[in-house]
Amino acid sequence: MSRKEKSPVGLRVRYGIVELLYRAPSRETQLPSASELASRYNISMSTVNRELKKLVEEGLIIGRQGVGMFTVPNVIKIDDRLLGRRLVGIIYGDGRYLCYGLCEWTFITSCGFALLPGIAHPRYVNLIAGHPDDIAAELQSQSLDGIIAIRPSKNLAQALQTLQSHGMPVVAAGSNVEGMPSLLADHRQAGRDMARQLQQRGVRSILWMSFDPICREHLAGLREYCAEANTKIKISEVANMSEFEAKVSDYAQKNAFPDAVFLHGETICALPSTLQRLGITPPNWLTLSEIESAERLAKHHGLVRAFPYRDIARQAAACLEELFAGKTVAPEYTFHYQVSEM
């Protein structure tokens, strides 16, 4: 990755000063001089002064003529009941999402609850940086004792490997990251479990939302099961909502809908309004959806898959507790979905 893709160099000054604030939130800490900061981060004095000016304007630091710059006490609020507690950062994806869906928030909050009350206090982390070096610096500035990274992006994974090499306890949840304790769900087995239930119900055709790698892993499992069981299910894949709407409209024109539909994420919640907008009477098909979304509906009947959020979260917290104690943990853990009728 080129230097052009790195975050603004002034952020490195900001990260260093924010780290001082987190280390001593209730007292003043004198900053290194501008020349020392410029030398430390290998940047110009003008860049340092520009960033210091911003921090003064934000009320994070204050200057005293003839003395120097100091952090401002109590800018960062710390609950007195939590003093002495470990602080664990929870990050999803690349840490830069504008918003998160129902399933993402379920994963995030499950990890937070698993840490409480005895292991650590969770802190959800949003990131500004995008380059691995800058991500590592930004995370170091937040005085975290450990990190749970949920489905980390490639750049975040690289940054976490750097932090891990410097002694930071880190766990990857929902993804496999080389050299890091990784907690995985068996998506392919879930697909096999769904296929078994479809076979029992005599399903012969299905519309499948292949919106992301997890959906495609489910589908691979379904195909494996069908091949082994000598069962034929006609599969129509769509890659996004536009393709889904076009396919459903085509079914409506032919008055020939598939026996079932595999739905991605929260799409089941929007399905009634989508069909209404397209002028389509809801077909009598079997829905396969995530239980967190199906539970939001007043009426639902179909197959639901329950991702093992809590099991993975509990194991992530347990791994961190072991790592905090200086113990080693297994490199990989695998958990299974529950597929049932609802």
C-alpha atoms as a PDB file:
ATOM      1  CA  MET A   1       0.000   0.000   0.000  1.00  0.00           C
ATOM      2  CA  SER A   2       1.403   3.421  -0.943  1.00  0.00           C
ATOM      3  CA  ARG A   3       2.049   6.287   1.422  1.00  0.00           C
ATOM      4  CA  LYS A   4      -0.705   8.209  -0.401  1.00  0.00           C
ATOM      5  CA  GLU A   5      -3.197   5.831   1.186  1.00  0.00           C
ATOM      6  CA  LYS A   6      -2.028   6.615   4.710  1.00  0.00           C
ATOM      7  CA  SER A   7      -3.977   8.828   7.085  1.00  0.00           C
ATOM      8  CA  PRO A   8      -3.015  12.513   7.498  1.00  0.00           C
ATOM      9  CA  VAL A   9       0.347  12.689   9.268  1.00  0.00           C
ATOM     10  CA  GLY A  10      -1.007  15.101  11.864  1.00  0.00           C
ATOM     11  CA  LEU A  11      -3.154  12.308  13.249  1.00  0.00           C
ATOM     12  CA  ARG A  12      -0.027  10.675  14.638  1.00  0.00           C
ATOM     13  CA  VAL A  13       0.469  13.689  16.901  1.00  0.00           C
ATOM     14  CA  ARG A  14      -3.182  13.519  17.935  1.00  0.00           C
ATOM     15  CA  TYR A  15      -2.991   9.801  18.741  1.00  0.00           C
ATOM     16  CA  GLY A  16       0.050  10.342  20.951  1.00  0.00           C
ATOM     17  CA  ILE A  17      -1.616  13.128  22.915  1.00  0.00           C
ATOM     18  CA  VAL A  18      -4.918  11.274  23.256  1.00  0.00           C
ATOM     19  CA  GLU A  19      -2.943   8.366  24.706  1.00  0.00           C
ATOM     20  CA  LEU A  20      -1.608  10.723  27.394  1.00  0.00           C
ATOM     21  CA  LEU A  21      -5.181  11.792  28.161  1.00  0.00           C
ATOM     22  CA  TYR A  22      -6.310   8.192  28.609  1.00  0.00           C
ATOM     23  CA  ARG A  23      -3.335   7.314  30.784  1.00  0.00           C
ATOM     24  CA  ALA A  24      -3.956  10.195  33.187  1.00  0.00           C
ATOM     25  CA  PRO A  25      -7.475  11.559  32.605  1.00  0.00           C
ATOM     26  CA  SER A  26      -7.767  13.359  35.939  1.00  0.00           C
ATOM     27  CA  ARG A  27      -4.483  15.262  35.998  1.00  0.00           C
ATOM     28  CA  GLU A  28      -2.401  17.545  33.814  1.00  0.00           C
ATOM     29  CA  THR A  29       0.389  15.989  31.805  1.00  0.00           C
ATOM     30  CA  GLN A  30       3.009  18.131  30.127  1.00  0.00           C
ATOM     31  CA  LEU A  31       3.468  17.428  26.440  1.00  0.00           C
ATOM     32  CA  PRO A  32       6.801  17.073  24.684  1.00  0.00           C
ATOM     33  CA  SER A  33       7.850  20.237  22.888  1.00  0.00           C
ATOM     34  CA  ALA A  34       6.783  20.820  19.293  1.00  0.00           C
ATOM     35  CA  SER A  35      10.320  20.115  18.095  1.00  0.00           C
ATOM     36  CA  GLU A  36      10.390  16.839  20.053  1.00  0.00           C
ATOM     37  CA  LEU A  37       7.056  15.801  18.544  1.00  0.00           C
ATOM     38  CA  ALA A  38       8.271  16.676  15.056  1.00  0.00           C
ATOM     39  CA  SER A  39      11.374  14.559  15.567  1.00  0.00           C
ATOM     40  CA  ARG A  40       9.454  11.663  17.150  1.00  0.00           C
ATOM     41  CA  TYR A  41       6.952  11.383  14.309  1.00  0.00           C
ATOM     42  CA  ASN A  42       9.309  12.501  11.529  1.00  0.00           C
ATOM     43  CA  ILE A  43       7.032  15.331  10.426  1.00  0.00           C
ATOM     44  CA  SER A  44       7.402  19.078   9.973  1.00  0.00           C
ATOM     45  CA  MET A  45       7.088  21.659  12.755  1.00  0.00           C
ATOM     46  CA  SER A  46       4.256  23.330  10.821  1.00  0.00           C
ATOM     47  CA  THR A  47       2.261  20.071  10.841  1.00  0.00           C
ATOM     48  CA  VAL A  48       2.835  19.659  14.583  1.00  0.00           C
ATOM     49  CA  ASN A  49       1.805  23.237  15.343  1.00  0.00           C
ATOM     50  CA  ARG A  50      -1.279  22.918  13.159  1.00  0.00           C
ATOM     51  CA  GLU A  51      -2.396  19.790  15.029  1.00  0.00           C
ATOM     52  CA  LEU A  52      -1.630  21.334  18.439  1.00  0.00           C
ATOM     53  CA  LYS A  53      -3.733  24.352  17.500  1.00  0.00           C
ATOM     54  CA  LYS A  54      -6.672  22.060  16.671  1.00  0.00           C
ATOM     55  CA  LEU A  55      -6.305  20.260  19.998  1.00  0.00           C
ATOM     56  CA  VAL A  56      -6.297  23.587  21.859  1.00  0.00           C
ATOM     57  CA  GLU A  57      -9.457  24.654  20.006  1.00  0.00           C
ATOM     58  CA  GLU A  58     -11.100  21.348  20.960  1.00  0.00           C
ATOM     59  CA  GLY A  59     -10.255  21.905  24.618  1.00  0.00           C
ATOM     60  CA  LEU A  60      -8.036  18.840  24.919  1.00  0.00           C
ATOM     61  CA  ILE A  61      -4.808  20.702  25.677  1.00  0.00           C
ATOM     62  CA  ILE A  62      -3.815  24.132  26.953  1.00  0.00           C
ATOM     63  CA  GLY A  63      -0.694  26.225  26.498  1.00  0.00           C
ATOM     64  CA  ARG A  64       1.116  28.180  29.191  1.00  0.00           C
ATOM     65  CA  GLN A  65       3.417  30.887  27.956  1.00  0.00           C
ATOM     66  CA  GLY A  66       7.027  30.156  28.743  1.00  0.00           C
ATOM     67  CA  VAL A  67       6.176  26.753  30.215  1.00  0.00           C
ATOM     68  CA  GLY A  68       4.691  24.544  27.486  1.00  0.00           C
ATOM     69  CA  MET A  69       1.583  22.595  26.547  1.00  0.00           C
ATOM     70  CA  PHE A  70      -0.462  20.469  28.969  1.00  0.00           C
ATOM     71  CA  THR A  71      -3.393  18.062  28.736  1.00  0.00           C
ATOM     72  CA  VAL A  72      -6.661  19.338  30.226  1.00  0.00           C
ATOM     73  CA  PRO A  73      -7.850  17.234  33.199  1.00  0.00           C
ATOM     74  CA  ASN A  74     -11.221  15.472  33.132  1.00  0.00           C
ATOM     75  CA  VAL A  75     -11.842  16.007  29.424  1.00  0.00           C
ATOM     76  CA  ILE A  76     -12.184  12.231  29.158  1.00  0.00           C
ATOM     77  CA  LYS A  77     -14.754  11.024  31.675  1.00  0.00           C
ATOM     78  CA  ILE A  78     -13.938   7.847  33.590  1.00  0.00           C
ATOM     79  CA  ASP A  79     -16.513   6.136  35.822  1.00  0.00           C
ATOM     80  CA  ASP A  80     -14.880   6.010  39.276  1.00  0.00           C
ATOM     81  CA  ARG A  81     -16.371   2.563  39.838  1.00  0.00           C
ATOM     82  CA  LEU A  82     -14.284   1.239  36.963  1.00  0.00           C
ATOM     83  CA  LEU A  83     -10.875   2.394  38.135  1.00  0.00           C
ATOM     84  CA  GLY A  84      -8.427  -0.458  38.068  1.00  0.00           C
ATOM     85  CA  ARG A  85     -10.573  -2.416  35.619  1.00  0.00           C
ATOM     86  CA  ARG A  86      -9.193  -3.611  32.326  1.00  0.00           C
ATOM     87  CA  LEU A  87     -10.496  -1.903  29.194  1.00  0.00           C
ATOM     88  CA  VAL A  88     -11.186  -4.034  26.113  1.00  0.00           C
ATOM     89  CA  GLY A  89     -11.898  -2.514  22.728  1.00  0.00           C
ATOM     90  CA  ILE A  90     -14.507  -4.100  20.457  1.00  0.00           C
ATOM     91  CA  ILE A  91     -14.129  -3.377  16.741  1.00  0.00           C
ATOM     92  CA  TYR A  92     -16.313  -4.521  13.842  1.00  0.00           C
ATOM     93  CA  GLY A  93     -15.042  -4.858  10.278  1.00  0.00           C
ATOM     94  CA  ASP A  94     -12.649  -2.003   9.545  1.00  0.00           C
ATOM     95  CA  GLY A  95     -13.983   0.110  12.417  1.00  0.00           C
ATOM     96  CA  ARG A  96     -15.200   2.771   9.984  1.00  0.00           C
ATOM     97  CA  TYR A  97     -18.775   1.699   9.236  1.00  0.00           C
ATOM     98  CA  LEU A  98     -21.314   4.512   9.050  1.00  0.00           C
ATOM     99  CA  CYS A  99     -23.927   2.313  10.710  1.00  0.00           C
ATOM    100  CA  TYR A 100     -24.515  -1.301  11.688  1.00  0.00           C
ATOM    101  CA  GLY A 101     -27.409  -3.678  11.165  1.00  0.00           C
ATOM    102  CA  LEU A 102     -29.316  -5.821  13.631  1.00  0.00           C
ATOM    103  CA  CYS A 103     -27.031  -8.839  13.356  1.00  0.00           C
ATOM    104  CA  GLU A 104     -23.875  -6.731  13.645  1.00  0.00           C
ATOM    105  CA  TRP A 105     -25.149  -5.034  16.797  1.00  0.00           C
ATOM    106  CA  THR A 106     -26.133  -8.419  18.231  1.00  0.00           C
ATOM    107  CA  PHE A 107     -22.549  -9.605  17.752  1.00  0.00           C
ATOM    108  CA  ILE A 108     -21.055  -6.402  19.190  1.00  0.00           C
ATOM    109  CA  THR A 109     -23.258  -6.294  22.279  1.00  0.00           C
ATOM    110  CA  SER A 110     -22.863 -10.029  22.911  1.00  0.00           C
ATOM    111  CA  CYS A 111     -19.103  -9.514  23.148  1.00  0.00           C
ATOM    112  CA  GLY A 112     -19.563  -6.578  25.498  1.00  0.00           C
ATOM    113  CA  PHE A 113     -21.908  -8.456  27.827  1.00  0.00           C
ATOM    114  CA  ALA A 114     -19.561 -11.459  27.865  1.00  0.00           C
ATOM    115  CA  LEU A 115     -16.766  -9.299  29.287  1.00  0.00           C
ATOM    116  CA  LEU A 116     -18.919  -7.921  32.103  1.00  0.00           C
ATOM    117  CA  PRO A 117     -18.799  -7.871  35.040  1.00  0.00           C
ATOM    118  CA  GLY A 118     -15.655  -9.752  35.960  1.00  0.00           C
ATOM    119  CA  ILE A 119     -13.246  -9.731  33.018  1.00  0.00           C
ATOM    120  CA  ALA A 120     -13.097  -6.192  31.638  1.00  0.00           C
ATOM    121  CA  HIS A 121     -15.065  -3.119  30.754  1.00  0.00           C
ATOM    122  CA  PRO A 122     -15.950  -3.079  27.032  1.00  0.00           C
ATOM    123  CA  ARG A 123     -15.472  -0.043  24.838  1.00  0.00           C
ATOM    124  CA  TYR A 124     -16.768   0.082  21.286  1.00  0.00           C
ATOM    125  CA  VAL A 125     -14.098   1.531  19.009  1.00  0.00           C
ATOM    126  CA  ASN A 126     -14.654   3.591  15.870  1.00  0.00           C
ATOM    127  CA  LEU A 127     -11.534   4.208  13.816  1.00  0.00           C
ATOM    128  CA  ILE A 128     -10.416   7.116  11.670  1.00  0.00           C
ATOM    129  CA  ALA A 129      -7.286   5.531  10.240  1.00  0.00           C
ATOM    130  CA  GLY A 130      -7.271   3.131   7.317  1.00  0.00           C
ATOM    131  CA  HIS A 131      -3.632   2.153   6.788  1.00  0.00           C
ATOM    132  CA  PRO A 132      -2.366  -0.678   9.057  1.00  0.00           C
ATOM    133  CA  ASP A 133       0.426   1.447  10.579  1.00  0.00           C
ATOM    134  CA  ASP A 134      -1.970   4.263  11.408  1.00  0.00           C
ATOM    135  CA  ILE A 135      -4.630   1.889  12.727  1.00  0.00           C
ATOM    136  CA  ALA A 136      -2.068   0.415  15.119  1.00  0.00           C
ATOM    137  CA  ALA A 137      -1.069   3.905  16.276  1.00  0.00           C
ATOM    138  CA  GLU A 138      -4.692   4.964  16.759  1.00  0.00           C
ATOM    139  CA  LEU A 139      -5.478   1.870  18.810  1.00  0.00           C
ATOM    140  CA  GLN A 140      -2.343   2.316  20.909  1.00  0.00           C
ATOM    141  CA  SER A 141      -3.526   5.829  21.739  1.00  0.00           C
ATOM    142  CA  GLN A 142      -6.657   4.521  23.451  1.00  0.00           C
ATOM    143  CA  SER A 143      -4.952   2.704  26.345  1.00  0.00           C
ATOM    144  CA  LEU A 144      -6.716  -0.576  25.666  1.00  0.00           C
ATOM    145  CA  ASP A 145      -5.732  -3.696  27.585  1.00  0.00           C
ATOM    146  CA  GLY A 146      -7.067  -6.042  24.912  1.00  0.00           C
ATOM    147  CA  ILE A 147      -9.142  -6.177  21.738  1.00  0.00           C
ATOM    148  CA  ILE A 148     -11.956  -8.307  20.344  1.00  0.00           C
ATOM    149  CA  ALA A 149     -12.007  -7.816  16.577  1.00  0.00           C
ATOM    150  CA  ILE A 150     -15.231  -8.970  14.940  1.00  0.00           C
ATOM    151  CA  ARG A 151     -14.756  -9.993  11.307  1.00  0.00           C
ATOM    152  CA  PRO A 152     -11.747  -7.663  10.966  1.00  0.00           C
ATOM    153  CA  SER A 153     -10.833  -6.225   7.580  1.00  0.00           C
ATOM    154  CA  LYS A 154      -7.465  -7.076   6.046  1.00  0.00           C
ATOM    155  CA  ASN A 155      -5.870  -3.788   7.124  1.00  0.00           C
ATOM    156  CA  LEU A 156      -7.230  -4.037  10.656  1.00  0.00           C
ATOM    157  CA  ALA A 157      -5.978  -7.627  10.904  1.00  0.00           C
ATOM    158  CA  GLN A 158      -2.474  -6.469   9.928  1.00  0.00           C
ATOM    159  CA  ALA A 159      -2.591  -3.724  12.549  1.00  0.00           C
ATOM    160  CA  LEU A 160      -3.773  -6.181  15.201  1.00  0.00           C
ATOM    161  CA  GLN A 161      -0.938  -8.558  14.365  1.00  0.00           C
ATOM    162  CA  THR A 162       1.470  -5.665  14.962  1.00  0.00           C
ATOM    163  CA  LEU A 163      -0.126  -4.874  18.325  1.00  0.00           C
ATOM    164  CA  GLN A 164      -0.126  -8.557  19.233  1.00  0.00           C
ATOM    165  CA  SER A 165       3.610  -8.767  18.511  1.00  0.00           C
ATOM    166  CA  HIS A 166       4.053  -5.941  21.042  1.00  0.00           C
ATOM    167  CA  GLY A 167       2.174  -7.875  23.732  1.00  0.00           C
ATOM    168  CA  MET A 168      -1.438  -6.779  23.228  1.00  0.00           C
ATOM    169  CA  PRO A 169      -3.959  -9.617  23.858  1.00  0.00           C
ATOM    170  CA  VAL A 170      -6.161  -9.817  20.753  1.00  0.00           C
ATOM    171  CA  VAL A 171      -8.920 -12.220  19.702  1.00  0.00           C
ATOM    172  CA  ALA A 172     -10.634 -12.487  16.300  1.00  0.00           C
ATOM    173  CA  ALA A 173     -14.350 -13.340  16.384  1.00  0.00           C
ATOM    174  CA  GLY A 174     -16.139 -14.565  13.284  1.00  0.00           C
ATOM    175  CA  SER A 175     -12.981 -14.651  11.144  1.00  0.00           C
ATOM    176  CA  ASN A 176      -9.725 -16.545  10.947  1.00  0.00           C
ATOM    177  CA  VAL A 177      -6.653 -14.334  11.415  1.00  0.00           C
ATOM    178  CA  GLU A 178      -3.254 -15.982  11.167  1.00  0.00           C
ATOM    179  CA  GLY A 179      -1.376 -16.187  14.453  1.00  0.00           C
ATOM    180  CA  MET A 180      -4.359 -14.961  16.481  1.00  0.00           C
ATOM    181  CA  PRO A 181      -6.947 -16.906  18.518  1.00  0.00           C
ATOM    182  CA  SER A 182      -9.845 -17.168  16.062  1.00  0.00           C
ATOM    183  CA  LEU A 183     -13.447 -18.068  16.879  1.00  0.00           C
ATOM    184  CA  LEU A 184     -15.436 -19.284  13.900  1.00  0.00           C
ATOM    185  CA  ALA A 185     -18.964 -20.346  13.028  1.00  0.00           C
ATOM    186  CA  ASP A 186     -19.450 -23.367  10.780  1.00  0.00           C
ATOM    187  CA  HIS A 187     -21.444 -21.696   7.994  1.00  0.00           C
ATOM    188  CA  ARG A 188     -21.140 -24.686   5.682  1.00  0.00           C
ATOM    189  CA  GLN A 189     -22.610 -27.085   8.244  1.00  0.00           C
ATOM    190  CA  ALA A 190     -25.499 -24.654   8.722  1.00  0.00           C
ATOM    191  CA  GLY A 191     -26.144 -24.917   4.983  1.00  0.00           C
ATOM    192  CA  ARG A 192     -26.187 -28.701   5.260  1.00  0.00           C
ATOM    193  CA  ASP A 193     -28.636 -28.497   8.173  1.00  0.00           C
ATOM    194  CA  MET A 194     -30.926 -26.232   6.153  1.00  0.00           C
ATOM    195  CA  ALA A 195     -30.725 -28.591   3.177  1.00  0.00           C
ATOM    196  CA  ARG A 196     -31.769 -31.515   5.360  1.00  0.00           C
ATOM    197  CA  GLN A 197     -34.850 -29.657   6.541  1.00  0.00           C
ATOM    198  CA  LEU A 198     -35.699 -28.531   3.015  1.00  0.00           C
ATOM    199  CA  GLN A 199     -35.475 -32.134   1.858  1.00  0.00           C
ATOM    200  CA  GLN A 200     -37.842 -33.209   4.644  1.00  0.00           C
ATOM    201  CA  ARG A 201     -40.351 -30.577   3.494  1.00  0.00           C
ATOM    202  CA  GLY A 202     -40.147 -31.616  -0.150  1.00  0.00           C
ATOM    203  CA  VAL A 203     -38.674 -28.302  -1.340  1.00  0.00           C
ATOM    204  CA  ARG A 204     -37.557 -28.553  -4.961  1.00  0.00           C
ATOM    205  CA  SER A 205     -36.666 -24.946  -5.802  1.00  0.00           C
ATOM    206  CA  ILE A 206     -35.247 -21.971  -3.903  1.00  0.00           C
ATOM    207  CA  LEU A 207     -34.301 -18.345  -4.520  1.00  0.00           C
ATOM    208  CA  TRP A 208     -31.017 -17.633  -2.732  1.00  0.00           C
ATOM    209  CA  MET A 209     -29.627 -14.250  -1.682  1.00  0.00           C
ATOM    210  CA  SER A 210     -25.864 -14.667  -2.153  1.00  0.00           C
ATOM    211  CA  PHE A 211     -25.120 -11.210  -0.783  1.00  0.00           C
ATOM    212  CA  ASP A 212     -21.887 -11.992   1.077  1.00  0.00           C
ATOM    213  CA  PRO A 213     -19.334 -14.788   1.674  1.00  0.00           C
ATOM    214  CA  ILE A 214     -21.359 -16.225   4.565  1.00  0.00           C
ATOM    215  CA  CYS A 215     -24.429 -16.679   2.351  1.00  0.00           C
ATOM    216  CA  ARG A 216     -22.242 -18.371  -0.236  1.00  0.00           C
ATOM    217  CA  GLU A 217     -20.773 -20.708   2.402  1.00  0.00           C
ATOM    218  CA  HIS A 218     -24.310 -21.653   3.454  1.00  0.00           C
ATOM    219  CA  LEU A 219     -25.114 -22.377  -0.175  1.00  0.00           C
ATOM    220  CA  ALA A 220     -21.986 -24.502  -0.594  1.00  0.00           C
ATOM    221  CA  GLY A 221     -23.106 -26.596   2.379  1.00  0.00           C
ATOM    222  CA  LEU A 222     -26.568 -27.003   0.897  1.00  0.00           C
ATOM    223  CA  ARG A 223     -25.110 -28.168  -2.404  1.00  0.00           C
ATOM    224  CA  GLU A 224     -22.814 -30.635  -0.644  1.00  0.00           C
ATOM    225  CA  TYR A 225     -25.728 -32.174   1.214  1.00  0.00           C
ATOM    226  CA  CYS A 226     -27.878 -32.405  -1.917  1.00  0.00           C
ATOM    227  CA  ALA A 227     -25.072 -34.127  -3.818  1.00  0.00           C
ATOM    228  CA  GLU A 228     -24.515 -36.654  -1.027  1.00  0.00           C
ATOM    229  CA  ALA A 229     -28.239 -37.297  -0.504  1.00  0.00           C
ATOM    230  CA  ASN A 230     -28.961 -37.429  -4.252  1.00  0.00           C
ATOM    231  CA  THR A 231     -31.532 -34.677  -3.769  1.00  0.00           C
ATOM    232  CA  LYS A 232     -32.194 -32.090  -6.459  1.00  0.00           C
ATOM    233  CA  ILE A 233     -33.087 -28.521  -5.521  1.00  0.00           C
ATOM    234  CA  LYS A 234     -33.177 -25.915  -8.287  1.00  0.00           C
ATOM    235  CA  ILE A 235     -31.241 -22.891  -7.026  1.00  0.00           C
ATOM    236  CA  SER A 236     -31.533 -19.346  -8.383  1.00  0.00           C
ATOM    237  CA  GLU A 237     -28.901 -16.975  -6.984  1.00  0.00           C
ATOM    238  CA  VAL A 238     -29.140 -13.188  -6.723  1.00  0.00           C
ATOM    239  CA  ALA A 239     -26.257 -10.951  -5.654  1.00  0.00           C
ATOM    240  CA  ASN A 240     -28.124  -7.834  -4.479  1.00  0.00           C
ATOM    241  CA  MET A 241     -31.594  -6.396  -3.886  1.00  0.00           C
ATOM    242  CA  SER A 242     -31.921  -5.100  -7.457  1.00  0.00           C
ATOM    243  CA  GLU A 243     -31.399  -8.608  -8.802  1.00  0.00           C
ATOM    244  CA  PHE A 244     -33.796  -9.960  -6.180  1.00  0.00           C
ATOM    245  CA  GLU A 245     -36.552  -7.552  -7.202  1.00  0.00           C
ATOM    246  CA  ALA A 246     -36.024  -8.321 -10.892  1.00  0.00           C
ATOM    247  CA  LYS A 247     -36.176 -12.063 -10.253  1.00  0.00           C
ATOM    248  CA  VAL A 248     -39.305 -11.812  -8.096  1.00  0.00           C
ATOM    249  CA  SER A 249     -41.007  -9.636 -10.722  1.00  0.00           C
ATOM    250  CA  ASP A 250     -40.185 -12.262 -13.334  1.00  0.00           C
ATOM    251  CA  TYR A 251     -41.674 -14.979 -11.119  1.00  0.00           C
ATOM    252  CA  ALA A 252     -44.833 -12.897 -10.697  1.00  0.00           C
ATOM    253  CA  GLN A 253     -45.237 -12.408 -14.450  1.00  0.00           C
ATOM    254  CA  LYS A 254     -44.965 -16.161 -14.976  1.00  0.00           C
ATOM    255  CA  ASN A 255     -47.044 -16.881 -11.848  1.00  0.00           C
ATOM    256  CA  ALA A 256     -44.421 -19.438 -10.868  1.00  0.00           C
ATOM    257  CA  PHE A 257     -42.589 -18.845  -7.599  1.00  0.00           C
ATOM    258  CA  PRO A 258     -39.969 -21.162  -6.082  1.00  0.00           C
ATOM    259  CA  ASP A 259     -40.858 -23.285  -3.070  1.00  0.00           C
ATOM    260  CA  ALA A 260     -38.542 -21.357  -0.735  1.00  0.00           C
ATOM    261  CA  VAL A 261     -36.443 -18.212  -0.401  1.00  0.00           C
ATOM    262  CA  PHE A 262     -33.185 -17.755   1.525  1.00  0.00           C
ATOM    263  CA  LEU A 263     -33.082 -14.233   2.970  1.00  0.00           C
ATOM    264  CA  HIS A 264     -30.026 -12.215   3.972  1.00  0.00           C
ATOM    265  CA  GLY A 265     -29.846 -10.274   7.231  1.00  0.00           C
ATOM    266  CA  GLU A 266     -32.713  -7.872   7.780  1.00  0.00           C
ATOM    267  CA  THR A 267     -34.238  -8.331   4.313  1.00  0.00           C
ATOM    268  CA  ILE A 268     -37.091 -10.390   5.767  1.00  0.00           C
ATOM    269  CA  CYS A 269     -38.238  -7.278   7.637  1.00  0.00           C
ATOM    270  CA  ALA A 270     -38.393  -5.290   4.383  1.00  0.00           C
ATOM    271  CA  LEU A 271     -39.835  -8.113   2.271  1.00  0.00           C
ATOM    272  CA  PRO A 272     -43.568  -7.287   2.746  1.00  0.00           C
ATOM    273  CA  SER A 273     -43.092  -3.632   1.748  1.00  0.00           C
ATOM    274  CA  THR A 274     -40.847  -4.628  -1.168  1.00  0.00           C
ATOM    275  CA  LEU A 275     -43.473  -7.005  -2.554  1.00  0.00           C
ATOM    276  CA  GLN A 276     -46.195  -4.400  -2.011  1.00  0.00           C
ATOM    277  CA  ARG A 277     -44.176  -1.770  -3.897  1.00  0.00           C
ATOM    278  CA  LEU A 278     -43.729  -4.212  -6.776  1.00  0.00           C
ATOM    279  CA  GLY A 279     -47.461  -4.980  -6.756  1.00  0.00           C
ATOM    280  CA  ILE A 280     -46.867  -8.638  -5.930  1.00  0.00           C
ATOM    281  CA  THR A 281     -49.087 -10.708  -3.665  1.00  0.00           C
ATOM    282  CA  PRO A 282     -46.868 -12.458  -1.076  1.00  0.00           C
ATOM    283  CA  PRO A 283     -46.207 -15.957  -2.431  1.00  0.00           C
ATOM    284  CA  ASN A 284     -46.733 -19.087  -0.383  1.00  0.00           C
ATOM    285  CA  TRP A 285     -43.054 -19.929  -0.091  1.00  0.00           C
ATOM    286  CA  LEU A 286     -40.967 -21.159   2.811  1.00  0.00           C
ATOM    287  CA  THR A 287     -38.643 -18.469   4.161  1.00  0.00           C
ATOM    288  CA  LEU A 288     -35.170 -19.137   5.541  1.00  0.00           C
ATOM    289  CA  SER A 289     -34.006 -16.214   7.654  1.00  0.00           C
ATOM    290  CA  GLU A 290     -31.893 -15.197  10.623  1.00  0.00           C
ATOM    291  CA  ILE A 291     -33.757 -15.543  13.893  1.00  0.00           C
ATOM    292  CA  GLU A 292     -32.827 -12.044  15.116  1.00  0.00           C
ATOM    293  CA  SER A 293     -34.678 -10.543  12.143  1.00  0.00           C
ATOM    294  CA  ALA A 294     -37.599 -12.988  12.145  1.00  0.00           C
ATOM    295  CA  GLU A 295     -38.298 -12.214  15.806  1.00  0.00           C
ATOM    296  CA  ARG A 296     -39.039  -8.594  14.826  1.00  0.00           C
ATOM    297  CA  LEU A 297     -42.029  -9.649  12.744  1.00  0.00           C
ATOM    298  CA  ALA A 298     -45.536  -9.857  14.171  1.00  0.00           C
ATOM    299  CA  LYS A 299     -46.136 -13.058  12.230  1.00  0.00           C
ATOM    300  CA  HIS A 300     -43.535 -15.422  10.868  1.00  0.00           C
ATOM    301  CA  HIS A 301     -43.452 -19.023   9.796  1.00  0.00           C
ATOM    302  CA  GLY A 302     -40.413 -20.627   8.269  1.00  0.00           C
ATOM    303  CA  LEU A 303     -36.933 -21.876   9.019  1.00  0.00           C
ATOM    304  CA  VAL A 304     -34.615 -19.733  11.116  1.00  0.00           C
ATOM    305  CA  ARG A 305     -30.880 -19.987  11.608  1.00  0.00           C
ATOM    306  CA  ALA A 306     -29.379 -18.828  14.879  1.00  0.00           C
ATOM    307  CA  PHE A 307     -25.767 -17.688  14.576  1.00  0.00           C
ATOM    308  CA  PRO A 308     -23.807 -18.637  17.745  1.00  0.00           C
ATOM    309  CA  TYR A 309     -23.219 -15.025  18.838  1.00  0.00           C
ATOM    310  CA  ARG A 310     -23.276 -15.694  22.567  1.00  0.00           C
ATOM    311  CA  ASP A 311     -21.132 -18.825  22.405  1.00  0.00           C
ATOM    312  CA  ILE A 312     -18.464 -17.054  20.365  1.00  0.00           C
ATOM    313  CA  ALA A 313     -18.634 -13.961  22.590  1.00  0.00           C
ATOM    314  CA  ARG A 314     -18.246 -15.997  25.780  1.00  0.00           C
ATOM    315  CA  GLN A 315     -15.253 -17.836  24.345  1.00  0.00           C
ATOM    316  CA  ALA A 316     -13.687 -14.571  23.153  1.00  0.00           C
ATOM    317  CA  ALA A 317     -13.994 -13.165  26.676  1.00  0.00           C
ATOM    318  CA  ALA A 318     -12.611 -16.387  28.177  1.00  0.00           C
ATOM    319  CA  CYS A 319      -9.637 -16.299  25.796  1.00  0.00           C
ATOM    320  CA  LEU A 320      -8.829 -12.719  26.777  1.00  0.00           C
ATOM    321  CA  GLU A 321      -9.046 -13.621  30.453  1.00  0.00           C
ATOM    322  CA  GLU A 322      -6.519 -16.413  29.873  1.00  0.00           C
ATOM    323  CA  LEU A 323      -4.251 -14.126  27.853  1.00  0.00           C
ATOM    324  CA  PHE A 324      -4.384 -11.466  30.582  1.00  0.00           C
ATOM    325  CA  ALA A 325      -3.144 -14.145  32.987  1.00  0.00           C
ATOM    326  CA  GLY A 326      -0.213 -14.935  30.712  1.00  0.00           C
ATOM    327  CA  LYS A 327      -1.609 -18.277  29.612  1.00  0.00           C
ATOM    328  CA  THR A 328      -1.813 -19.695  26.100  1.00  0.00           C
ATOM    329  CA  VAL A 329      -5.065 -20.465  24.316  1.00  0.00           C
ATOM    330  CA  ALA A 330      -6.011 -22.644  21.361  1.00  0.00           C
ATOM    331  CA  PRO A 331      -5.468 -21.070  17.927  1.00  0.00           C
ATOM    332  CA  GLU A 332      -8.988 -21.840  16.704  1.00  0.00           C
ATOM    333  CA  TYR A 333     -12.475 -22.607  18.031  1.00  0.00           C
ATOM    334  CA  THR A 334     -15.505 -23.632  15.967  1.00  0.00           C
ATOM    335  CA  PHE A 335     -19.171 -23.147  16.875  1.00  0.00           C
ATOM    336  CA  HIS A 336     -22.397 -24.298  15.258  1.00  0.00           C
ATOM    337  CA  TYR A 337     -25.656 -22.665  14.230  1.00  0.00           C
ATOM    338  CA  GLN A 338     -29.037 -23.859  15.391  1.00  0.00           C
ATOM    339  CA  VAL A 339     -31.482 -24.337  12.507  1.00  0.00           C
ATOM    340  CA  SER A 340     -35.120 -24.739  13.524  1.00  0.00           C
ATOM    341  CA  GLU A 341     -38.711 -24.004  12.584  1.00  0.00           C
ATOM    342  CA  MET A 342     -40.368 -20.840  13.830  1.00  0.00           C
END
